[in-house]
């Protein structure tokens, strides 16, 4: 038997960012502070110091995790623990809107103040709706703040593969992407892993224990039903269980993990964690902590004392075959049905967010302009609504005053264009599922696959009629242009 690990092994996520492969997640601080309770910052820092002394000296938090940043700041103020300065990751999750330099700076400065630091170790950015292109402005401004020394490294959280690819090809130095990844939710093993491996991005995996469901406690137990679930984390992952095929399919995974755990003398949680850590793009797994209540550091370390072999993987694969793939791509649970979050349906939240374009009424029609200088000059609108139909003009990957997004990259340009079309539709009361026809114009027909696949992901439900053409020339240095037609009347 392998010698028990005394501390988690470490990994360099990026130059100068070495962390343990098990990161302590502080999202449950918000749960502990429900009902108006506030954790004592110094006692919370004492609990974090115990983690750091045991080698678990990287902590993940966010601007909305209650007082987590403040508690972590108290720990950082104490200096090194066991010869190392603890590492603090945080997230900025603004509402969509114009991302001016002042807005971005204010978000960063708030985190720096709460953490009590001049430079944030890793700032991770979340964006609610890709139809609003402000995330590009925000990420480029964060990159400038990184260059100025306010941030050491940039990450994203819950970005899908298409938009992570877009950011990377648009020149944003993304070091990490934090996504859900577990035996239950294996979306990140697909295109996300390919994107990360191509650019050296590391995944920070959360949800690896499915809020505690991936443990012996639930093995062979009857379905408790959603009403019996008390904490936010379990409310969320109970929805994942349903999306993956239900309680029986979940029990098949638990049974397979239990057989493997008994074979190696470890726990189901160890098997679940080891499987995720072995995925090629994963840098670290984030394991939540309920400060002052209970900790599982010793058991968590046992995931490094064994290795999964071919027999183990075959057993898991057989269990996976009894499940359904979680819908969509990483992060989709926050942006579209089935909304696999603790709060459930987020459509009301998303519908209340600002749109990048506004509709105006003129000449008996409603139209959308994006502010391009060419629209009034050439006498056209980005989109026009006539009766139940919405017609979207030929659209290129033009951001702001005229900057080309992702120069030289057809996939990134296609993703940006599709978002711009969706934003135009939204301003007129439509959406991707209302689209009945699209046309794609390529400078080079050899780009059909990355563009076509992006189109396929965007319109996976609508499946509109489509024409794809190679043209002799597009105006400007663009690789792709698209137009769309939607009809708000459905059969």
Protein backbone atom coordinates (compact mmCIF):
# COMPACT_ATOMS: atom_id res chain seq x y z
CA UNK A 1 0.00 0.00 0.00
CA UNK A 2 1.22 3.49 -0.80
CA UNK A 3 2.56 5.64 1.99
CA UNK A 4 -0.17 8.07 3.19
CA UNK A 5 0.25 11.61 1.90
CA UNK A 6 1.17 14.19 4.53
CA UNK A 7 0.06 17.13 2.38
CA UNK A 8 -1.49 17.53 -1.05
CA UNK A 9 0.97 17.61 -3.96
CA UNK A 10 1.38 20.95 -5.67
CA UNK A 11 1.06 22.21 -9.23
CA UNK A 12 2.03 25.37 -11.10
CA UNK A 13 -1.16 26.73 -12.64
CA UNK A 14 0.90 29.47 -14.25
CA UNK A 15 4.36 30.98 -13.69
CA UNK A 16 4.49 32.11 -10.07
CA UNK A 17 1.15 30.50 -9.16
CA UNK A 18 1.97 27.22 -7.41
CA UNK A 19 -0.86 25.73 -5.36
CA UNK A 20 -1.94 22.44 -3.78
CA UNK A 21 -4.02 20.23 -6.07
CA UNK A 22 -6.81 20.41 -3.50
CA UNK A 23 -8.09 23.97 -3.10
CA UNK A 24 -10.35 24.91 -0.20
CA UNK A 25 -13.60 26.45 -1.43
CA UNK A 26 -15.36 29.06 0.69
CA UNK A 27 -18.73 29.20 -1.08
CA UNK A 28 -20.42 27.71 1.99
CA UNK A 29 -19.61 30.85 3.96
CA UNK A 30 -22.67 32.36 2.27
CA UNK A 31 -24.75 29.37 3.37
CA UNK A 32 -23.44 29.62 6.94
CA UNK A 33 -24.40 33.30 7.00
CA UNK A 34 -27.98 32.79 5.86
CA UNK A 35 -30.59 34.51 8.00
CA UNK A 36 -28.40 37.49 8.87
CA UNK A 37 -25.67 35.61 10.72
CA UNK A 38 -22.10 36.82 10.15
CA UNK A 39 -18.98 34.76 10.82
CA UNK A 40 -16.42 36.20 13.18
CA UNK A 41 -13.53 37.14 10.83
CA UNK A 42 -10.75 36.22 13.27
CA UNK A 43 -12.26 32.85 14.19
CA UNK A 44 -12.82 32.19 10.50
CA UNK A 45 -9.18 33.05 9.82
CA UNK A 46 -8.16 30.64 12.60
CA UNK A 47 -10.00 27.85 10.75
CA UNK A 48 -8.30 28.79 7.47
CA UNK A 49 -4.93 28.82 9.22
CA UNK A 50 -5.48 25.20 10.26
CA UNK A 51 -6.06 24.31 6.60
CA UNK A 52 -2.96 26.22 5.49
CA UNK A 53 -0.79 24.59 8.16
CA UNK A 54 -1.81 21.19 6.77
CA UNK A 55 -0.74 22.19 3.25
CA UNK A 56 -4.22 23.26 2.05
CA UNK A 57 -3.08 26.84 1.61
CA UNK A 58 -5.07 27.96 -1.45
CA UNK A 59 -8.58 29.33 -0.94
CA UNK A 60 -11.28 30.05 -3.48
CA UNK A 61 -13.99 32.66 -2.94
CA UNK A 62 -16.08 35.31 -4.70
CA UNK A 63 -17.56 38.73 -4.21
CA UNK A 64 -20.92 37.15 -3.34
CA UNK A 65 -19.72 34.44 -0.93
CA UNK A 66 -20.80 36.41 2.12
CA UNK A 67 -17.81 37.59 4.14
CA UNK A 68 -15.39 35.03 2.64
CA UNK A 69 -13.05 37.69 1.21
CA UNK A 70 -12.91 39.46 4.56
CA UNK A 71 -12.16 36.23 6.43
CA UNK A 72 -9.43 35.33 3.93
CA UNK A 73 -8.03 38.84 4.23
CA UNK A 74 -7.58 38.36 7.97
CA UNK A 75 -5.59 35.21 7.26
CA UNK A 76 -3.41 36.93 4.62
CA UNK A 77 -2.67 39.73 7.08
CA UNK A 78 -1.00 37.19 9.39
CA UNK A 79 1.70 36.41 6.80
CA UNK A 80 3.20 33.01 6.02
CA UNK A 81 1.84 29.77 7.40
CA UNK A 82 4.26 26.87 7.52
CA UNK A 83 6.77 28.84 5.44
CA UNK A 84 4.32 29.73 2.66
CA UNK A 85 2.06 32.69 2.08
CA UNK A 86 -1.50 31.46 1.54
CA UNK A 87 -3.01 32.01 -1.91
CA UNK A 88 -6.40 33.63 -2.39
CA UNK A 89 -8.51 33.25 -5.52
CA UNK A 90 -11.58 35.44 -5.86
CA UNK A 91 -14.23 36.13 -8.48
CA UNK A 92 -15.91 39.22 -9.85
CA UNK A 93 -19.47 38.56 -11.04
CA UNK A 94 -20.93 41.89 -12.26
CA UNK A 95 -24.33 42.39 -13.83
CA UNK A 96 -24.10 42.79 -17.62
CA UNK A 97 -23.73 46.38 -18.75
CA UNK A 98 -21.08 48.74 -20.11
CA UNK A 99 -17.72 47.68 -18.73
CA UNK A 100 -15.81 50.94 -18.55
CA UNK A 101 -12.30 51.15 -17.14
CA UNK A 102 -13.73 52.80 -14.01
CA UNK A 103 -16.31 50.04 -13.53
CA UNK A 104 -13.72 47.29 -13.81
CA UNK A 105 -11.27 49.11 -11.57
CA UNK A 106 -13.97 49.54 -8.91
CA UNK A 107 -14.69 45.78 -8.95
CA UNK A 108 -11.00 44.96 -8.55
CA UNK A 109 -10.42 47.60 -5.87
CA UNK A 110 -13.35 46.28 -3.82
CA UNK A 111 -11.81 42.81 -3.80
CA UNK A 112 -8.36 44.17 -2.97
CA UNK A 113 -9.79 46.15 -0.08
CA UNK A 114 -11.72 43.20 1.36
CA UNK A 115 -8.70 40.91 0.97
CA UNK A 116 -6.33 43.59 2.28
CA UNK A 117 -3.85 43.12 -0.58
CA UNK A 118 -2.21 45.26 -3.25
CA UNK A 119 -2.29 42.44 -5.79
CA UNK A 120 -4.92 39.73 -6.19
CA UNK A 121 -3.38 36.29 -6.76
CA UNK A 122 -6.07 35.13 -9.21
CA UNK A 123 -9.05 37.20 -10.31
CA UNK A 124 -11.71 35.03 -11.95
CA UNK A 125 -14.43 36.62 -14.05
CA UNK A 126 -18.03 35.46 -14.49
CA UNK A 127 -20.46 36.84 -17.08
CA UNK A 128 -24.17 36.11 -17.16
CA UNK A 129 -25.07 36.50 -20.83
CA UNK A 130 -22.80 36.34 -23.86
CA UNK A 131 -25.35 38.31 -25.89
CA UNK A 132 -23.94 41.35 -24.09
CA UNK A 133 -20.36 41.81 -25.35
CA UNK A 134 -19.25 43.79 -22.31
CA UNK A 135 -17.32 40.77 -21.07
CA UNK A 136 -14.68 41.44 -23.74
CA UNK A 137 -14.18 45.01 -22.50
CA UNK A 138 -14.02 43.75 -18.92
CA UNK A 139 -11.46 41.05 -19.65
CA UNK A 140 -9.20 43.35 -21.64
CA UNK A 141 -9.36 45.94 -18.86
CA UNK A 142 -8.57 43.24 -16.30
CA UNK A 143 -5.58 42.31 -18.46
CA UNK A 144 -4.41 45.93 -18.32
CA UNK A 145 -4.78 45.91 -14.54
CA UNK A 146 -2.76 42.71 -14.48
CA UNK A 147 -0.01 44.45 -16.42
CA UNK A 148 -0.21 47.34 -13.94
CA UNK A 149 0.31 44.98 -11.00
CA UNK A 150 -3.16 44.98 -9.40
CA UNK A 151 -3.74 41.35 -10.41
CA UNK A 152 -1.20 38.54 -10.69
CA UNK A 153 -3.21 36.16 -12.89
CA UNK A 154 -6.53 36.14 -14.73
CA UNK A 155 -9.10 33.38 -14.77
CA UNK A 156 -12.66 32.83 -15.83
CA UNK A 157 -15.44 30.98 -14.10
CA UNK A 158 -18.19 29.03 -15.83
CA UNK A 159 -17.13 30.09 -19.31
CA UNK A 160 -18.04 27.60 -22.01
CA UNK A 161 -15.51 26.27 -24.51
CA UNK A 162 -16.55 28.61 -27.33
CA UNK A 163 -16.18 31.77 -25.28
CA UNK A 164 -12.98 30.66 -23.57
CA UNK A 165 -11.59 30.03 -27.06
CA UNK A 166 -12.80 33.48 -28.14
CA UNK A 167 -11.06 35.21 -25.22
CA UNK A 168 -7.80 33.37 -25.85
CA UNK A 169 -7.83 34.13 -29.59
CA UNK A 170 -8.67 37.75 -28.84
CA UNK A 171 -5.47 38.04 -26.84
CA UNK A 172 -6.70 37.80 -23.24
CA UNK A 173 -4.15 35.98 -21.03
CA UNK A 174 -6.47 33.49 -19.29
CA UNK A 175 -4.65 31.11 -16.95
CA UNK A 176 -7.60 29.15 -15.51
CA UNK A 177 -11.27 28.39 -16.00
CA UNK A 178 -13.34 27.23 -13.03
CA UNK A 179 -16.08 24.79 -14.00
CA UNK A 180 -18.20 21.99 -12.62
CA UNK A 181 -16.53 18.60 -13.21
CA UNK A 182 -17.40 15.29 -11.58
CA UNK A 183 -18.35 11.67 -12.13
CA UNK A 184 -21.86 13.04 -12.50
CA UNK A 185 -21.07 16.04 -14.73
CA UNK A 186 -18.49 15.19 -17.38
CA UNK A 187 -19.09 18.08 -19.82
CA UNK A 188 -15.62 19.53 -19.24
CA UNK A 189 -14.00 16.36 -20.62
CA UNK A 190 -15.18 17.26 -24.12
CA UNK A 191 -14.42 20.42 -26.11
CA UNK A 192 -13.44 22.33 -22.97
CA UNK A 193 -10.46 20.04 -22.40
CA UNK A 194 -9.36 20.41 -26.03
CA UNK A 195 -9.45 24.22 -25.78
CA UNK A 196 -7.51 24.20 -22.51
CA UNK A 197 -4.83 21.81 -23.74
CA UNK A 198 -4.32 23.88 -26.89
CA UNK A 199 -3.47 27.01 -24.87
CA UNK A 200 -2.18 25.71 -21.55
CA UNK A 201 -5.23 26.79 -19.54
CA UNK A 202 -5.83 24.83 -16.33
CA UNK A 203 -9.27 23.85 -15.11
CA UNK A 204 -10.22 24.42 -11.49
CA UNK A 205 -12.89 21.81 -10.88
CA UNK A 206 -15.72 22.33 -8.43
CA UNK A 207 -18.76 20.19 -7.68
CA UNK A 208 -16.46 17.16 -7.69
CA UNK A 209 -18.30 15.57 -4.75
CA UNK A 210 -21.70 16.84 -5.97
CA UNK A 211 -22.32 18.71 -2.76
CA UNK A 212 -21.61 15.56 -0.70
CA UNK A 213 -23.87 13.24 -2.70
CA UNK A 214 -20.83 11.30 -3.95
CA UNK A 215 -20.25 9.56 -0.64
CA UNK A 216 -21.14 6.39 1.26
CA UNK A 217 -23.91 8.29 3.06
CA UNK A 218 -26.13 8.08 -0.04
CA UNK A 219 -25.14 4.62 -1.31
CA UNK A 220 -28.17 2.34 -1.61
CA UNK A 221 -30.45 4.93 -0.02
CA UNK A 222 -33.91 5.77 -1.38
CA UNK A 223 -34.44 9.03 -3.22
CA UNK A 224 -34.88 11.70 -0.51
CA UNK A 225 -36.73 14.05 -2.87
CA UNK A 226 -35.86 17.69 -3.35
CA UNK A 227 -37.96 18.80 -0.37
CA UNK A 228 -35.72 16.89 2.05
CA UNK A 229 -32.54 18.64 0.95
CA UNK A 230 -31.49 21.41 3.33
CA UNK A 231 -28.34 23.22 2.21
CA UNK A 232 -27.83 25.20 -0.99
CA UNK A 233 -25.10 22.95 -2.33
CA UNK A 234 -27.24 19.81 -2.13
CA UNK A 235 -30.24 21.62 -3.60
CA UNK A 236 -28.09 22.42 -6.61
CA UNK A 237 -26.60 18.97 -7.15
CA UNK A 238 -29.92 17.22 -6.61
CA UNK A 239 -30.94 18.94 -9.87
CA UNK A 240 -27.78 17.60 -11.52
CA UNK A 241 -28.76 14.08 -10.45
CA UNK A 242 -32.14 14.49 -12.15
CA UNK A 243 -30.55 15.89 -15.31
CA UNK A 244 -28.11 12.96 -15.47
CA UNK A 245 -30.87 10.36 -15.49
CA UNK A 246 -32.32 10.34 -12.00
CA UNK A 247 -31.67 8.59 -8.71
CA UNK A 248 -31.20 5.09 -10.15
CA UNK A 249 -28.58 6.29 -12.63
CA UNK A 250 -26.85 8.15 -9.81
CA UNK A 251 -26.87 4.99 -7.68
CA UNK A 252 -25.12 3.13 -10.51
CA UNK A 253 -22.26 5.63 -10.34
CA UNK A 254 -22.15 5.38 -6.55
CA UNK A 255 -22.07 1.58 -6.69
CA UNK A 256 -19.21 1.59 -9.19
CA UNK A 257 -17.25 4.13 -7.14
CA UNK A 258 -17.89 2.11 -3.98
CA UNK A 259 -16.56 -1.10 -5.56
CA UNK A 260 -13.42 0.76 -6.63
CA UNK A 261 -13.07 2.37 -3.21
CA UNK A 262 -13.23 -1.01 -1.45
CA UNK A 263 -10.69 -2.43 -3.90
CA UNK A 264 -8.18 0.30 -2.98
CA UNK A 265 -9.14 0.77 0.67
CA UNK A 266 -10.30 4.36 0.21
CA UNK A 267 -13.61 6.26 0.20
CA UNK A 268 -16.08 7.02 -2.57
CA UNK A 269 -15.11 10.68 -2.25
CA UNK A 270 -11.47 9.69 -2.86
CA UNK A 271 -12.43 7.85 -6.04
CA UNK A 272 -14.53 10.77 -7.26
CA UNK A 273 -11.73 13.24 -6.62
CA UNK A 274 -9.01 11.02 -8.11
CA UNK A 275 -10.99 10.61 -11.34
CA UNK A 276 -11.29 14.37 -11.81
CA UNK A 277 -7.66 15.05 -10.87
CA UNK A 278 -6.59 12.56 -13.56
CA UNK A 279 -8.34 14.51 -16.32
CA UNK A 280 -5.65 16.06 -18.53
CA UNK A 281 -6.71 19.72 -18.29
CA UNK A 282 -7.46 19.75 -14.56
CA UNK A 283 -5.03 21.66 -12.38
CA UNK A 284 -6.81 21.34 -9.06
CA UNK A 285 -10.06 20.30 -7.44
CA UNK A 286 -11.93 22.69 -5.17
CA UNK A 287 -13.38 21.04 -2.06
CA UNK A 288 -15.78 23.10 0.03
CA UNK A 289 -15.27 23.80 3.71
CA UNK A 290 -17.86 24.62 6.36
CA UNK A 291 -15.70 26.70 8.67
CA UNK A 292 -16.04 25.87 12.34
CA UNK A 293 -18.22 22.82 11.70
CA UNK A 294 -16.43 19.88 10.12
CA UNK A 295 -13.41 19.16 7.96
CA UNK A 296 -12.27 16.16 5.94
CA UNK A 297 -8.64 17.00 5.18
CA UNK A 298 -7.22 13.64 6.23
CA UNK A 299 -9.70 11.68 4.13
CA UNK A 300 -9.28 14.04 1.16
CA UNK A 301 -5.54 13.41 1.16
CA UNK A 302 -6.12 9.72 0.56
CA UNK A 303 -7.04 10.44 -3.06
CA UNK A 304 -3.28 10.73 -3.67
CA UNK A 305 -2.49 7.32 -2.17
CA UNK A 306 -3.79 5.18 -5.04
CA UNK A 307 -4.24 5.19 -8.81
CA UNK A 308 -7.21 4.25 -10.96
CA UNK A 309 -6.36 1.42 -13.35
CA UNK A 310 -8.00 0.03 -16.49
CA UNK A 311 -10.36 -2.17 -14.47
CA UNK A 312 -11.51 0.82 -12.44
CA UNK A 313 -12.12 2.94 -15.54
CA UNK A 314 -14.06 0.12 -17.20
CA UNK A 315 -16.31 -0.13 -14.15
CA UNK A 316 -16.94 3.62 -14.19
CA UNK A 317 -17.54 3.69 -17.93
CA UNK A 318 -20.21 1.01 -17.55
CA UNK A 319 -21.93 3.18 -14.93
CA UNK A 320 -21.60 6.29 -17.12
CA UNK A 321 -23.43 4.44 -19.90
CA UNK A 322 -26.51 4.32 -17.68
CA UNK A 323 -26.60 8.11 -17.31
CA UNK A 324 -27.47 11.03 -19.56
CA UNK A 325 -24.97 13.74 -20.40
CA UNK A 326 -25.66 16.98 -18.51
CA UNK A 327 -27.17 19.34 -21.13
CA UNK A 328 -25.05 21.88 -22.97
CA UNK A 329 -21.57 23.07 -22.14
CA UNK A 330 -19.86 24.20 -18.97
CA UNK A 331 -21.70 27.07 -17.31
CA UNK A 332 -24.90 26.65 -19.31
CA UNK A 333 -26.71 25.84 -16.07
CA UNK A 334 -26.50 29.56 -15.20
CA UNK A 335 -27.62 30.85 -18.62
CA UNK A 336 -30.33 28.60 -20.02
CA UNK A 337 -32.76 25.81 -19.06
CA UNK A 338 -32.71 23.49 -17.21
CA UNK A 339 -30.96 25.99 -14.85
CA UNK A 340 -29.17 23.53 -12.58
CA UNK A 341 -28.58 25.93 -9.70
CA UNK A 342 -29.54 26.04 -6.04
CA UNK A 343 -32.20 28.65 -6.85
CA UNK A 344 -33.56 26.72 -9.82
CA UNK A 345 -35.06 28.74 -12.68
CA UNK A 346 -32.96 31.89 -13.32
CA UNK A 347 -34.98 33.15 -16.30
CA UNK A 348 -36.41 36.03 -14.25
CA UNK A 349 -32.89 37.11 -13.33
CA UNK A 350 -31.61 36.93 -16.90
CA UNK A 351 -34.64 38.72 -18.35
CA UNK A 352 -34.03 41.63 -16.01
CA UNK A 353 -30.51 42.24 -17.27
CA UNK A 354 -29.61 45.03 -19.66
CA UNK A 355 -29.27 44.42 -23.39
CA UNK A 356 -26.50 45.95 -25.50
CA UNK A 357 -28.90 47.27 -28.16
CA UNK A 358 -32.22 49.13 -28.05
CA UNK A 359 -35.14 48.92 -30.45
CA UNK A 360 -36.76 51.99 -32.02
CA UNK A 361 -39.99 52.37 -33.92
CA UNK A 362 -39.96 54.12 -37.31
CA UNK A 363 -42.05 53.90 -40.49
CA UNK A 364 -44.33 51.21 -39.14
CA UNK A 365 -41.42 48.90 -38.33
CA UNK A 366 -39.21 48.29 -35.32
CA UNK A 367 -35.49 48.23 -35.85
CA UNK A 368 -32.22 47.81 -33.99
CA UNK A 369 -29.05 49.82 -34.50
CA UNK A 370 -25.75 48.89 -32.88
CA UNK A 371 -24.10 52.31 -33.15
CA UNK A 372 -21.96 51.39 -36.12
CA UNK A 373 -20.97 54.33 -38.30
CA UNK A 374 -21.94 52.27 -41.35
CA UNK A 375 -25.58 51.78 -40.43
CA UNK A 376 -26.76 55.38 -41.08
CA UNK A 377 -24.12 55.93 -43.76
CA UNK A 378 -25.23 52.95 -45.84
CA UNK A 379 -28.87 53.19 -44.84
CA UNK A 380 -29.48 49.88 -43.08
CA UNK A 381 -30.34 48.53 -39.65
CA UNK A 382 -28.71 45.69 -37.78
CA UNK A 383 -32.13 44.06 -37.52
CA UNK A 384 -35.70 44.90 -38.53
CA UNK A 385 -38.97 43.49 -37.22
CA UNK A 386 -41.82 43.43 -39.73
CA UNK A 387 -44.94 41.73 -38.41
CA UNK A 388 -43.86 38.44 -36.87
CA UNK A 389 -40.59 38.33 -38.78
CA UNK A 390 -37.17 39.57 -37.67
CA UNK A 391 -34.49 40.01 -40.32
CA UNK A 392 -30.88 40.39 -39.16
CA UNK A 393 -28.41 41.99 -41.56
CA UNK A 394 -25.12 40.42 -42.52
CA UNK A 395 -23.08 40.55 -39.31
CA UNK A 396 -19.34 40.46 -38.76
CA UNK A 397 -17.18 40.16 -35.64
CA UNK A 398 -16.92 43.92 -35.13
CA UNK A 399 -16.62 45.10 -31.55
CA UNK A 400 -17.24 48.66 -30.42
CA UNK A 401 -16.03 51.35 -32.79
CA UNK A 402 -14.66 48.91 -35.32
CA UNK A 403 -12.20 46.48 -33.74
CA UNK A 404 -12.13 43.01 -35.32
CA UNK A 405 -12.56 40.28 -32.73
CA UNK A 406 -10.24 37.26 -32.97
CA UNK A 407 -8.26 38.32 -36.06
CA UNK A 408 -7.41 35.27 -38.14
CA UNK A 409 -9.61 32.86 -36.16
CA UNK A 410 -12.86 31.72 -37.83
CA UNK A 411 -14.32 29.96 -34.76
CA UNK A 412 -13.90 32.97 -32.48
CA UNK A 413 -15.38 35.31 -35.09
CA UNK A 414 -18.36 32.99 -35.62
CA UNK A 415 -19.07 32.80 -31.88
CA UNK A 416 -19.00 36.58 -31.55
CA UNK A 417 -21.27 37.01 -34.59
CA UNK A 418 -23.81 34.52 -33.27
CA UNK A 419 -23.93 36.37 -29.95
CA UNK A 420 -24.42 39.67 -31.79
CA UNK A 421 -27.30 38.17 -33.78
CA UNK A 422 -28.87 36.89 -30.56
CA UNK A 423 -28.57 40.33 -28.96
CA UNK A 424 -30.30 41.90 -31.97
CA UNK A 425 -33.09 39.33 -31.80
CA UNK A 426 -33.51 39.87 -28.06
CA UNK A 427 -33.98 43.61 -28.54
CA UNK A 428 -36.94 42.79 -30.80
CA UNK A 429 -38.49 40.14 -28.57
CA UNK A 430 -36.91 37.09 -30.20
CA UNK A 431 -34.18 34.59 -29.56
CA UNK A 432 -32.14 31.82 -31.17
CA UNK A 433 -35.02 29.35 -31.01
CA UNK A 434 -37.11 31.67 -33.23
CA UNK A 435 -34.56 31.59 -36.07
CA UNK A 436 -35.81 29.82 -39.20
CA UNK A 437 -33.06 30.67 -41.70
CA UNK A 438 -29.36 31.55 -41.62
CA UNK A 439 -26.76 32.27 -44.27
CA UNK A 440 -23.01 31.99 -43.73
CA UNK A 441 -20.44 33.64 -46.00
CA UNK A 442 -16.85 32.43 -45.71
CA UNK A 443 -13.70 33.91 -47.13
CA UNK A 444 -12.20 30.40 -47.17
CA UNK A 445 -14.43 27.34 -47.52
CA UNK A 446 -11.87 25.32 -45.55
CA UNK A 447 -13.16 27.15 -42.46
CA UNK A 448 -16.54 25.48 -42.77
CA UNK A 449 -16.04 23.11 -39.85
CA UNK A 450 -15.14 25.45 -36.96
CA UNK A 451 -17.76 27.94 -38.15
CA UNK A 452 -20.36 25.25 -38.82
CA UNK A 453 -19.82 23.63 -35.44
CA UNK A 454 -20.21 26.98 -33.66
CA UNK A 455 -23.42 27.54 -35.62
CA UNK A 456 -24.59 24.04 -34.68
CA UNK A 457 -24.03 24.60 -30.97
CA UNK A 458 -25.79 27.97 -31.04
CA UNK A 459 -28.84 26.69 -32.94
CA UNK A 460 -28.93 23.15 -31.56
CA UNK A 461 -32.61 23.48 -30.71
CA UNK A 462 -33.86 25.67 -33.57
CA UNK A 463 -32.08 23.81 -36.42
CA UNK A 464 -32.88 26.56 -38.99
CA UNK A 465 -32.58 26.24 -42.76
CA UNK A 466 -29.04 27.22 -43.68
CA UNK A 467 -26.85 28.10 -46.64
CA UNK A 468 -23.06 28.25 -46.43
CA UNK A 469 -21.06 29.90 -49.21
CA UNK A 470 -17.48 30.76 -49.99
CA UNK A 471 -17.31 34.28 -51.44
CA UNK A 472 -14.46 35.89 -53.33
CA UNK A 473 -14.10 38.67 -50.80
CA UNK A 474 -15.56 40.04 -47.58
CA UNK A 475 -15.32 43.76 -46.87
CA UNK A 476 -12.49 44.26 -44.38
CA UNK A 477 -10.26 41.65 -42.77
CA UNK A 478 -13.09 39.33 -41.79
CA UNK A 479 -13.19 35.57 -42.25
CA UNK A 480 -16.94 35.07 -41.83
CA UNK A 481 -20.22 36.98 -42.08
CA UNK A 482 -23.70 35.72 -41.14
CA UNK A 483 -27.30 36.83 -41.50
CA UNK A 484 -30.45 35.40 -39.96
CA UNK A 485 -34.22 35.40 -40.24
CA UNK A 486 -36.57 34.66 -37.35
CA UNK A 487 -40.32 34.21 -37.10
CA UNK A 488 -42.03 34.79 -33.78
CA UNK A 489 -45.08 32.76 -34.78
CA UNK A 490 -44.56 29.05 -34.15
CA UNK A 491 -46.66 26.17 -35.44
